[in-house]
Amino acid sequence: MKTLDDYMRLNYRMEVVENADEGGFVVSYPELPGCITYGQTIESAAANALEAKKAWLETAIASGTEISEPDSLEDYSGQFKLRIPRSLHRSLSEHSKREGISMNQYCVYLLSKNDAANSK
């Protein structure tokens, strides 16, 4: 069984979202459900996040709650196969040629742009 220090050293993904309505920043750890905090500045939010992470882990250890380990990018190959209509394939090919980049680069750009827009 891991200790608090063991868990604190693990690289859990921290998400920081600006609170446009009230100001400041909301910080959470998606892999630690319910571990969320706030700070007026990005620095105070990050400091509060470490305290919240520690308190969350202490509570989980004391109560015997299962603590998942952080996701690792090594779990993902960076590749997937996708079947698309021929007309879309042609369109993507034409757009990428106009941009002067490979179709693969163009598709990564489109996916990244859409992912960023949907993660807000």
N, C-alpha and C. Protein backbone atom coordinates (compact mmCIF):
# COMPACT_ATOMS: atom_id res chain seq x y z
N MET A 1 0.85 -1.19 0.00
CA MET A 1 0.00 0.00 0.00
C MET A 1 0.89 1.25 0.00
N LYS A 2 0.51 2.20 -0.80
CA LYS A 2 1.28 3.45 -0.91
C LYS A 2 0.97 4.37 0.27
N THR A 3 1.95 5.19 0.59
CA THR A 3 1.79 6.19 1.64
C THR A 3 1.31 7.51 1.01
N LEU A 4 0.96 8.43 1.87
CA LEU A 4 0.56 9.76 1.41
C LEU A 4 1.66 10.38 0.56
N ASP A 5 2.90 10.28 1.03
CA ASP A 5 4.03 10.84 0.28
C ASP A 5 4.16 10.19 -1.09
N ASP A 6 3.92 8.87 -1.17
CA ASP A 6 3.98 8.18 -2.46
C ASP A 6 2.96 8.77 -3.43
N TYR A 7 1.73 8.95 -2.95
CA TYR A 7 0.67 9.50 -3.81
C TYR A 7 0.94 10.96 -4.16
N MET A 8 1.49 11.72 -3.23
CA MET A 8 1.76 13.13 -3.50
C MET A 8 2.82 13.30 -4.59
N ARG A 9 3.71 12.34 -4.72
CA ARG A 9 4.76 12.41 -5.75
C ARG A 9 4.25 12.02 -7.14
N LEU A 10 3.10 11.37 -7.20
CA LEU A 10 2.56 10.99 -8.51
C LEU A 10 2.09 12.22 -9.27
N ASN A 11 2.21 12.17 -10.57
CA ASN A 11 1.90 13.32 -11.42
C ASN A 11 0.44 13.28 -11.88
N TYR A 12 -0.47 13.66 -10.97
CA TYR A 12 -1.88 13.75 -11.33
C TYR A 12 -2.11 14.98 -12.20
N ARG A 13 -2.95 14.84 -13.20
CA ARG A 13 -3.25 15.94 -14.12
C ARG A 13 -4.10 16.99 -13.39
N MET A 14 -3.64 18.23 -13.46
CA MET A 14 -4.33 19.35 -12.84
C MET A 14 -5.00 20.17 -13.93
N GLU A 15 -6.29 20.44 -13.76
CA GLU A 15 -7.00 21.30 -14.71
C GLU A 15 -7.29 22.64 -14.05
N VAL A 16 -6.95 23.71 -14.77
CA VAL A 16 -7.16 25.07 -14.27
C VAL A 16 -8.12 25.76 -15.22
N VAL A 17 -9.20 26.30 -14.66
CA VAL A 17 -10.21 27.00 -15.47
C VAL A 17 -10.44 28.37 -14.86
N GLU A 18 -10.37 29.38 -15.71
CA GLU A 18 -10.63 30.74 -15.24
C GLU A 18 -12.11 30.89 -14.96
N ASN A 19 -12.45 31.50 -13.83
CA ASN A 19 -13.83 31.76 -13.47
C ASN A 19 -14.19 33.15 -13.96
N ALA A 20 -14.75 33.22 -15.16
CA ALA A 20 -15.04 34.51 -15.80
C ALA A 20 -16.09 35.30 -15.03
N ASP A 21 -17.02 34.63 -14.37
CA ASP A 21 -18.10 35.33 -13.67
C ASP A 21 -17.64 35.99 -12.38
N GLU A 22 -16.87 35.27 -11.59
CA GLU A 22 -16.49 35.77 -10.27
C GLU A 22 -15.01 36.12 -10.15
N GLY A 23 -14.24 35.87 -11.20
CA GLY A 23 -12.80 36.11 -11.15
C GLY A 23 -12.10 34.95 -10.49
N GLY A 24 -10.81 34.90 -10.64
CA GLY A 24 -10.03 33.84 -10.03
C GLY A 24 -10.00 32.59 -10.90
N PHE A 25 -9.53 31.50 -10.31
CA PHE A 25 -9.32 30.26 -11.04
C PHE A 25 -9.81 29.07 -10.23
N VAL A 26 -10.48 28.14 -10.89
CA VAL A 26 -10.93 26.90 -10.29
C VAL A 26 -9.95 25.82 -10.73
N VAL A 27 -9.49 25.02 -9.78
CA VAL A 27 -8.52 23.96 -10.08
C VAL A 27 -9.09 22.63 -9.61
N SER A 28 -8.94 21.61 -10.46
CA SER A 28 -9.38 20.27 -10.08
C SER A 28 -8.38 19.23 -10.58
N TYR A 29 -8.50 18.05 -10.00
CA TYR A 29 -7.72 16.89 -10.43
C TYR A 29 -8.73 15.86 -10.93
N PRO A 30 -8.91 15.72 -12.26
CA PRO A 30 -9.93 14.83 -12.80
C PRO A 30 -9.81 13.38 -12.31
N GLU A 31 -8.61 12.94 -11.99
CA GLU A 31 -8.42 11.55 -11.56
C GLU A 31 -8.69 11.36 -10.07
N LEU A 32 -8.95 12.46 -9.37
CA LEU A 32 -9.31 12.42 -7.95
C LEU A 32 -10.69 13.05 -7.81
N PRO A 33 -11.75 12.28 -8.00
CA PRO A 33 -13.12 12.82 -8.05
C PRO A 33 -13.47 13.68 -6.84
N GLY A 34 -13.93 14.89 -7.13
CA GLY A 34 -14.34 15.82 -6.08
C GLY A 34 -13.21 16.65 -5.51
N CYS A 35 -11.99 16.44 -5.98
CA CYS A 35 -10.85 17.23 -5.50
C CYS A 35 -10.80 18.52 -6.32
N ILE A 36 -11.31 19.59 -5.72
CA ILE A 36 -11.45 20.86 -6.44
C ILE A 36 -11.20 22.00 -5.46
N THR A 37 -10.63 23.07 -5.96
CA THR A 37 -10.37 24.24 -5.11
C THR A 37 -10.38 25.50 -5.97
N TYR A 38 -10.03 26.60 -5.37
CA TYR A 38 -10.15 27.91 -6.02
C TYR A 38 -9.04 28.82 -5.52
N GLY A 39 -8.68 29.80 -6.33
CA GLY A 39 -7.74 30.83 -5.92
C GLY A 39 -7.94 32.09 -6.73
N GLN A 40 -7.69 33.23 -6.13
CA GLN A 40 -7.85 34.51 -6.83
C GLN A 40 -6.83 34.68 -7.95
N THR A 41 -5.61 34.19 -7.72
CA THR A 41 -4.56 34.26 -8.73
C THR A 41 -4.18 32.84 -9.13
N ILE A 42 -3.49 32.71 -10.26
CA ILE A 42 -3.07 31.39 -10.70
C ILE A 42 -2.11 30.77 -9.67
N GLU A 43 -1.28 31.60 -9.06
CA GLU A 43 -0.33 31.11 -8.06
C GLU A 43 -1.05 30.59 -6.82
N SER A 44 -2.03 31.37 -6.34
CA SER A 44 -2.76 30.93 -5.14
C SER A 44 -3.63 29.71 -5.46
N ALA A 45 -4.16 29.64 -6.66
CA ALA A 45 -4.96 28.48 -7.06
C ALA A 45 -4.09 27.22 -7.09
N ALA A 46 -2.87 27.33 -7.62
CA ALA A 46 -1.97 26.18 -7.67
C ALA A 46 -1.56 25.75 -6.26
N ALA A 47 -1.27 26.70 -5.39
CA ALA A 47 -0.92 26.37 -4.00
C ALA A 47 -2.09 25.71 -3.29
N ASN A 48 -3.29 26.26 -3.49
CA ASN A 48 -4.49 25.67 -2.88
C ASN A 48 -4.74 24.27 -3.43
N ALA A 49 -4.41 24.07 -4.70
CA ALA A 49 -4.62 22.76 -5.31
C ALA A 49 -3.75 21.69 -4.64
N LEU A 50 -2.52 22.03 -4.32
CA LEU A 50 -1.65 21.07 -3.64
C LEU A 50 -2.20 20.72 -2.25
N GLU A 51 -2.72 21.73 -1.55
CA GLU A 51 -3.32 21.48 -0.24
C GLU A 51 -4.58 20.62 -0.38
N ALA A 52 -5.40 20.90 -1.40
CA ALA A 52 -6.63 20.13 -1.63
C ALA A 52 -6.28 18.68 -2.00
N LYS A 53 -5.26 18.52 -2.82
CA LYS A 53 -4.81 17.17 -3.21
C LYS A 53 -4.38 16.39 -1.97
N LYS A 54 -3.60 17.02 -1.11
CA LYS A 54 -3.12 16.35 0.10
C LYS A 54 -4.30 15.97 1.00
N ALA A 55 -5.23 16.90 1.20
CA ALA A 55 -6.39 16.62 2.05
C ALA A 55 -7.25 15.51 1.45
N TRP A 56 -7.44 15.53 0.13
CA TRP A 56 -8.23 14.51 -0.54
C TRP A 56 -7.59 13.14 -0.34
N LEU A 57 -6.27 13.06 -0.55
CA LEU A 57 -5.55 11.79 -0.42
C LEU A 57 -5.56 11.30 1.03
N GLU A 58 -5.38 12.21 1.99
CA GLU A 58 -5.42 11.81 3.40
C GLU A 58 -6.78 11.20 3.75
N THR A 59 -7.84 11.84 3.30
CA THR A 59 -9.19 11.34 3.56
C THR A 59 -9.42 10.00 2.89
N ALA A 60 -8.98 9.87 1.65
CA ALA A 60 -9.16 8.61 0.93
C ALA A 60 -8.40 7.47 1.60
N ILE A 61 -7.17 7.74 2.04
CA ILE A 61 -6.38 6.71 2.71
C ILE A 61 -7.04 6.31 4.03
N ALA A 62 -7.48 7.30 4.80
CA ALA A 62 -8.10 7.03 6.10
C ALA A 62 -9.40 6.24 5.97
N SER A 63 -10.15 6.51 4.91
CA SER A 63 -11.44 5.83 4.74
C SER A 63 -11.35 4.55 3.92
N GLY A 64 -10.16 4.26 3.41
CA GLY A 64 -9.99 3.05 2.61
C GLY A 64 -10.52 3.17 1.19
N THR A 65 -10.74 4.40 0.74
CA THR A 65 -11.21 4.63 -0.63
C THR A 65 -10.12 4.27 -1.63
N GLU A 66 -10.52 3.59 -2.68
CA GLU A 66 -9.54 3.24 -3.72
C GLU A 66 -9.04 4.51 -4.41
N ILE A 67 -7.74 4.62 -4.56
CA ILE A 67 -7.11 5.78 -5.19
C ILE A 67 -6.51 5.32 -6.51
N SER A 68 -7.03 5.88 -7.59
CA SER A 68 -6.48 5.50 -8.90
C SER A 68 -5.18 6.24 -9.15
N GLU A 69 -4.33 5.60 -9.93
CA GLU A 69 -3.07 6.24 -10.30
C GLU A 69 -3.31 7.12 -11.51
N PRO A 70 -2.46 8.11 -11.72
CA PRO A 70 -2.65 9.02 -12.86
C PRO A 70 -2.53 8.29 -14.19
N ASP A 71 -3.27 8.80 -15.16
CA ASP A 71 -3.14 8.29 -16.52
C ASP A 71 -1.72 8.56 -17.01
N SER A 72 -1.26 7.71 -17.89
CA SER A 72 0.06 7.89 -18.48
C SER A 72 -0.09 8.01 -19.99
N LEU A 73 0.64 8.92 -20.60
CA LEU A 73 0.60 9.03 -22.06
C LEU A 73 1.12 7.78 -22.73
N GLU A 74 1.88 6.98 -21.99
CA GLU A 74 2.38 5.73 -22.55
C GLU A 74 1.26 4.75 -22.84
N ASP A 75 0.07 4.98 -22.25
CA ASP A 75 -1.08 4.12 -22.51
C ASP A 75 -1.72 4.41 -23.87
N TYR A 76 -1.25 5.43 -24.56
CA TYR A 76 -1.84 5.85 -25.84
C TYR A 76 -0.77 5.83 -26.93
N SER A 77 -1.09 5.22 -28.05
CA SER A 77 -0.11 5.08 -29.13
C SER A 77 0.01 6.35 -29.98
N GLY A 78 -1.04 7.17 -29.98
CA GLY A 78 -1.03 8.35 -30.85
C GLY A 78 -1.55 8.03 -32.24
N GLN A 79 -2.09 6.83 -32.40
CA GLN A 79 -2.60 6.42 -33.71
C GLN A 79 -3.98 5.79 -33.54
N PHE A 80 -4.83 6.02 -34.52
CA PHE A 80 -6.08 5.28 -34.62
C PHE A 80 -6.51 5.26 -36.08
N LYS A 81 -7.25 4.25 -36.42
CA LYS A 81 -7.70 4.09 -37.80
C LYS A 81 -9.11 4.65 -37.91
N LEU A 82 -9.37 5.37 -38.98
CA LEU A 82 -10.67 6.01 -39.14
C LEU A 82 -11.15 5.83 -40.57
N ARG A 83 -12.34 5.33 -40.73
CA ARG A 83 -12.93 5.22 -42.07
C ARG A 83 -13.87 6.41 -42.27
N ILE A 84 -13.68 7.09 -43.40
CA ILE A 84 -14.49 8.27 -43.69
C ILE A 84 -15.03 8.16 -45.11
N PRO A 85 -16.09 8.89 -45.43
CA PRO A 85 -16.61 8.89 -46.80
C PRO A 85 -15.55 9.42 -47.78
N ARG A 86 -15.58 8.92 -48.98
CA ARG A 86 -14.62 9.35 -50.00
C ARG A 86 -14.69 10.85 -50.25
N SER A 87 -15.89 11.38 -50.21
CA SER A 87 -16.04 12.82 -50.47
C SER A 87 -15.34 13.65 -49.38
N LEU A 88 -15.41 13.19 -48.13
CA LEU A 88 -14.71 13.89 -47.05
C LEU A 88 -13.21 13.72 -47.21
N HIS A 89 -12.77 12.55 -47.62
CA HIS A 89 -11.35 12.31 -47.85
C HIS A 89 -10.82 13.28 -48.91
N ARG A 90 -11.59 13.42 -50.00
CA ARG A 90 -11.19 14.35 -51.06
C ARG A 90 -11.13 15.77 -50.53
N SER A 91 -12.15 16.18 -49.79
CA SER A 91 -12.20 17.54 -49.26
C SER A 91 -11.01 17.82 -48.33
N LEU A 92 -10.71 16.89 -47.44
CA LEU A 92 -9.58 17.05 -46.53
C LEU A 92 -8.27 17.12 -47.30
N SER A 93 -8.15 16.29 -48.32
CA SER A 93 -6.94 16.29 -49.14
C SER A 93 -6.75 17.62 -49.85
N GLU A 94 -7.84 18.14 -50.42
CA GLU A 94 -7.78 19.42 -51.13
C GLU A 94 -7.43 20.57 -50.18
N HIS A 95 -8.05 20.59 -49.00
CA HIS A 95 -7.77 21.65 -48.03
C HIS A 95 -6.31 21.60 -47.57
N SER A 96 -5.82 20.41 -47.30
CA SER A 96 -4.44 20.29 -46.83
C SER A 96 -3.45 20.73 -47.91
N LYS A 97 -3.74 20.43 -49.18
CA LYS A 97 -2.87 20.87 -50.27
C LYS A 97 -2.83 22.39 -50.35
N ARG A 98 -4.00 23.01 -50.20
CA ARG A 98 -4.05 24.49 -50.23
C ARG A 98 -3.25 25.10 -49.09
N GLU A 99 -3.23 24.42 -47.94
CA GLU A 99 -2.47 24.91 -46.77
C GLU A 99 -1.00 24.56 -46.87
N GLY A 100 -0.65 23.67 -47.79
CA GLY A 100 0.74 23.28 -47.97
C GLY A 100 1.25 22.33 -46.89
N ILE A 101 0.34 21.55 -46.33
CA ILE A 101 0.72 20.58 -45.30
C ILE A 101 0.13 19.22 -45.65
N SER A 102 0.61 18.20 -44.97
CA SER A 102 0.07 16.86 -45.23
C SER A 102 -1.36 16.78 -44.71
N MET A 103 -2.10 15.82 -45.25
CA MET A 103 -3.47 15.63 -44.79
C MET A 103 -3.47 15.21 -43.32
N ASN A 104 -2.49 14.44 -42.91
CA ASN A 104 -2.38 14.03 -41.52
C ASN A 104 -2.22 15.26 -40.62
N GLN A 105 -1.33 16.17 -40.98
CA GLN A 105 -1.14 17.39 -40.19
C GLN A 105 -2.42 18.23 -40.16
N TYR A 106 -3.10 18.30 -41.30
CA TYR A 106 -4.33 19.08 -41.38
C TYR A 106 -5.40 18.48 -40.47
N CYS A 107 -5.53 17.16 -40.46
CA CYS A 107 -6.52 16.51 -39.61
C CYS A 107 -6.18 16.70 -38.13
N VAL A 108 -4.90 16.62 -37.77
CA VAL A 108 -4.50 16.87 -36.38
C VAL A 108 -4.86 18.31 -36.00
N TYR A 109 -4.61 19.25 -36.90
CA TYR A 109 -4.98 20.65 -36.64
C TYR A 109 -6.48 20.77 -36.38
N LEU A 110 -7.30 20.17 -37.25
CA LEU A 110 -8.76 20.26 -37.09
C LEU A 110 -9.23 19.61 -35.79
N LEU A 111 -8.69 18.44 -35.48
CA LEU A 111 -9.07 17.76 -34.24
C LEU A 111 -8.66 18.57 -33.02
N SER A 112 -7.45 19.13 -33.03
CA SER A 112 -6.98 19.94 -31.91
C SER A 112 -7.84 21.18 -31.72
N LYS A 113 -8.16 21.84 -32.82
CA LYS A 113 -8.97 23.05 -32.77
C LYS A 113 -10.35 22.74 -32.18
N ASN A 114 -10.96 21.65 -32.64
CA ASN A 114 -12.28 21.26 -32.15
C ASN A 114 -12.22 20.81 -30.69
N ASP A 115 -11.20 20.07 -30.34
CA ASP A 115 -11.06 19.60 -28.96
C ASP A 115 -10.90 20.78 -28.01
N ALA A 116 -10.11 21.77 -28.39
CA ALA A 116 -9.92 22.95 -27.56
C ALA A 116 -11.22 23.73 -27.40
N ALA A 117 -11.99 23.84 -28.47
CA ALA A 117 -13.27 24.56 -28.40
C ALA A 117 -14.28 23.84 -27.51
N ASN A 118 -14.23 22.51 -27.51
CA ASN A 118 -15.20 21.74 -26.73
C ASN A 118 -14.78 21.49 -25.29
N SER A 119 -13.54 21.82 -24.95
CA SER A 119 -13.07 21.57 -23.58
C SER A 119 -13.32 22.75 -22.67
N LYS A 120 -13.91 23.81 -23.17
CA LYS A 120 -14.18 25.00 -22.35
C LYS A 120 -15.48 24.85 -21.61
